[in-house]
Amino acid sequence: MIIGAVTGSLSYCVLYLSYSALKEILLGSAAKAVQIILLTKLGATLTNAVIADVIAIPLYFALRRALARSFPRLRGNG
């Protein structure tokens, strides 16, 4: 669970930053401007990913048991 959440967050960061770089390059931005934009977005994106994982992982473990009791058919037993 933890490895999946972190891998998903990091994959999103890479894809988002790649998209942003390609978009800026296609719009004709200078290389230095693209570098500054990406560094700014990198900090914000990684901060968001860490916050999301820190909240989502414990929340999943807290809600997992209650959801399993409420929806027993989803566990594959019926």
C-alpha atoms as a PDB file:
ATOM      1  CA  MET A   1       0.000   0.000   0.000  1.00  0.00           C
ATOM      2  CA  ILE A   2       2.683   2.501   0.993  1.00  0.00           C
ATOM      3  CA  ILE A   3       4.929   1.604  -1.937  1.00  0.00           C
ATOM      4  CA  GLY A   4       1.996   1.951  -4.330  1.00  0.00           C
ATOM      5  CA  ALA A   5       1.021   5.363  -2.994  1.00  0.00           C
ATOM      6  CA  VAL A   6       4.559   6.723  -3.158  1.00  0.00           C
ATOM      7  CA  THR A   7       5.173   5.236  -6.612  1.00  0.00           C
ATOM      8  CA  GLY A   8       1.938   6.743  -7.885  1.00  0.00           C
ATOM      9  CA  SER A   9       2.797  10.151  -6.472  1.00  0.00           C
ATOM     10  CA  LEU A  10       6.283  10.124  -7.962  1.00  0.00           C
ATOM     11  CA  SER A  11       4.963   8.934 -11.332  1.00  0.00           C
ATOM     12  CA  TYR A  12       2.475  11.793 -11.345  1.00  0.00           C
ATOM     13  CA  CYS A  13       5.263  14.273 -10.527  1.00  0.00           C
ATOM     14  CA  VAL A  14       7.413  13.045 -13.417  1.00  0.00           C
ATOM     15  CA  LEU A  15       4.525  13.103 -15.895  1.00  0.00           C
ATOM     16  CA  TYR A  16       3.338  16.539 -14.782  1.00  0.00           C
ATOM     17  CA  LEU A  17       6.811  18.070 -14.972  1.00  0.00           C
ATOM     18  CA  SER A  18       7.455  16.450 -18.371  1.00  0.00           C
ATOM     19  CA  TYR A  19       4.168  17.839 -19.674  1.00  0.00           C
ATOM     20  CA  SER A  20       4.988  21.287 -18.301  1.00  0.00           C
ATOM     21  CA  ALA A  21       8.447  21.293 -19.862  1.00  0.00           C
ATOM     22  CA  LEU A  22       7.161  20.168 -23.243  1.00  0.00           C
ATOM     23  CA  LYS A  23       4.384  22.753 -23.173  1.00  0.00           C
ATOM     24  CA  GLU A  24       6.794  25.583 -22.345  1.00  0.00           C
ATOM     25  CA  ILE A  25       9.241  24.483 -25.026  1.00  0.00           C
ATOM     26  CA  LEU A  26       6.490  24.277 -27.649  1.00  0.00           C
ATOM     27  CA  LEU A  27       5.287  27.749 -26.653  1.00  0.00           C
ATOM     28  CA  GLY A  28       8.784  29.042 -27.404  1.00  0.00           C
ATOM     29  CA  SER A  29      10.000  29.841 -23.913  1.00  0.00           C
ATOM     30  CA  ALA A  30      13.729  30.320 -23.433  1.00  0.00           C
ATOM     31  CA  ALA A  31      15.662  27.437 -21.866  1.00  0.00           C
ATOM     32  CA  LYS A  32      16.449  29.418 -18.727  1.00  0.00           C
ATOM     33  CA  ALA A  33      12.781  30.375 -18.312  1.00  0.00           C
ATOM     34  CA  VAL A  34      11.743  26.720 -18.666  1.00  0.00           C
ATOM     35  CA  GLN A  35      14.305  25.762 -16.041  1.00  0.00           C
ATOM     36  CA  ILE A  36      12.991  28.364 -13.572  1.00  0.00           C
ATOM     37  CA  ILE A  37       9.373  27.343 -14.191  1.00  0.00           C
ATOM     38  CA  LEU A  38      10.185  23.662 -13.676  1.00  0.00           C
ATOM     39  CA  LEU A  39      12.123  24.287 -10.468  1.00  0.00           C
ATOM     40  CA  THR A  40       9.185  26.232  -9.071  1.00  0.00           C
ATOM     41  CA  LYS A  41       6.710  23.541 -10.093  1.00  0.00           C
ATOM     42  CA  LEU A  42       9.008  20.805  -8.754  1.00  0.00           C
ATOM     43  CA  GLY A  43       8.948  22.239  -5.255  1.00  0.00           C
ATOM     44  CA  ALA A  44       5.179  22.661  -5.208  1.00  0.00           C
ATOM     45  CA  THR A  45       4.496  19.282  -6.808  1.00  0.00           C
ATOM     46  CA  LEU A  46       6.741  17.340  -4.432  1.00  0.00           C
ATOM     47  CA  THR A  47       5.277  19.168  -1.439  1.00  0.00           C
ATOM     48  CA  ASN A  48       1.761  18.273  -2.567  1.00  0.00           C
ATOM     49  CA  ALA A  49       2.768  14.636  -3.150  1.00  0.00           C
ATOM     50  CA  VAL A  50       4.276  14.294   0.333  1.00  0.00           C
ATOM     51  CA  ILE A  51       1.251  15.903   1.991  1.00  0.00           C
ATOM     52  CA  ALA A  52      -1.148  13.708   0.008  1.00  0.00           C
ATOM     53  CA  ASP A  53       0.711  10.515   0.946  1.00  0.00           C
ATOM     54  CA  VAL A  54       1.041  11.505   4.607  1.00  0.00           C
ATOM     55  CA  ILE A  55      -2.735  12.025   4.773  1.00  0.00           C
ATOM     56  CA  ALA A  56      -3.982   9.301   2.405  1.00  0.00           C
ATOM     57  CA  ILE A  57      -2.042   6.320   3.747  1.00  0.00           C
ATOM     58  CA  PRO A  58      -3.187   6.577   7.399  1.00  0.00           C
ATOM     59  CA  LEU A  59      -6.696   7.482   6.217  1.00  0.00           C
ATOM     60  CA  TYR A  60      -6.820   4.298   4.140  1.00  0.00           C
ATOM     61  CA  PHE A  61      -5.813   2.149   7.103  1.00  0.00           C
ATOM     62  CA  ALA A  62      -8.325   3.933   9.340  1.00  0.00           C
ATOM     63  CA  LEU A  63     -11.234   3.439   6.927  1.00  0.00           C
ATOM     64  CA  ARG A  64     -10.336   0.001   5.552  1.00  0.00           C
ATOM     65  CA  ARG A  65     -11.930  -2.028   8.355  1.00  0.00           C
ATOM     66  CA  ALA A  66     -15.120   0.061   8.416  1.00  0.00           C
ATOM     67  CA  LEU A  67     -15.539  -0.187   4.659  1.00  0.00           C
ATOM     68  CA  ALA A  68     -14.972  -3.952   4.720  1.00  0.00           C
ATOM     69  CA  ARG A  69     -17.746  -4.315   7.321  1.00  0.00           C
ATOM     70  CA  SER A  70     -20.129  -2.095   5.378  1.00  0.00           C
ATOM     71  CA  PHE A  71     -19.522  -3.752   2.011  1.00  0.00           C
ATOM     72  CA  PRO A  72     -18.661  -7.424   2.639  1.00  0.00           C
ATOM     73  CA  ARG A  73     -19.393  -8.466  -0.952  1.00  0.00           C
ATOM     74  CA  LEU A  74     -16.543  -6.310  -2.224  1.00  0.00           C
ATOM     75  CA  ARG A  75     -14.000  -8.450  -0.364  1.00  0.00           C
ATOM     76  CA  GLY A  76     -14.691 -11.326  -2.738  1.00  0.00           C
ATOM     77  CA  ASN A  77     -16.465 -13.552  -0.178  1.00  0.00           C
ATOM     78  CA  GLY A  78     -19.928 -13.396  -1.568  1.00  0.00           C
END
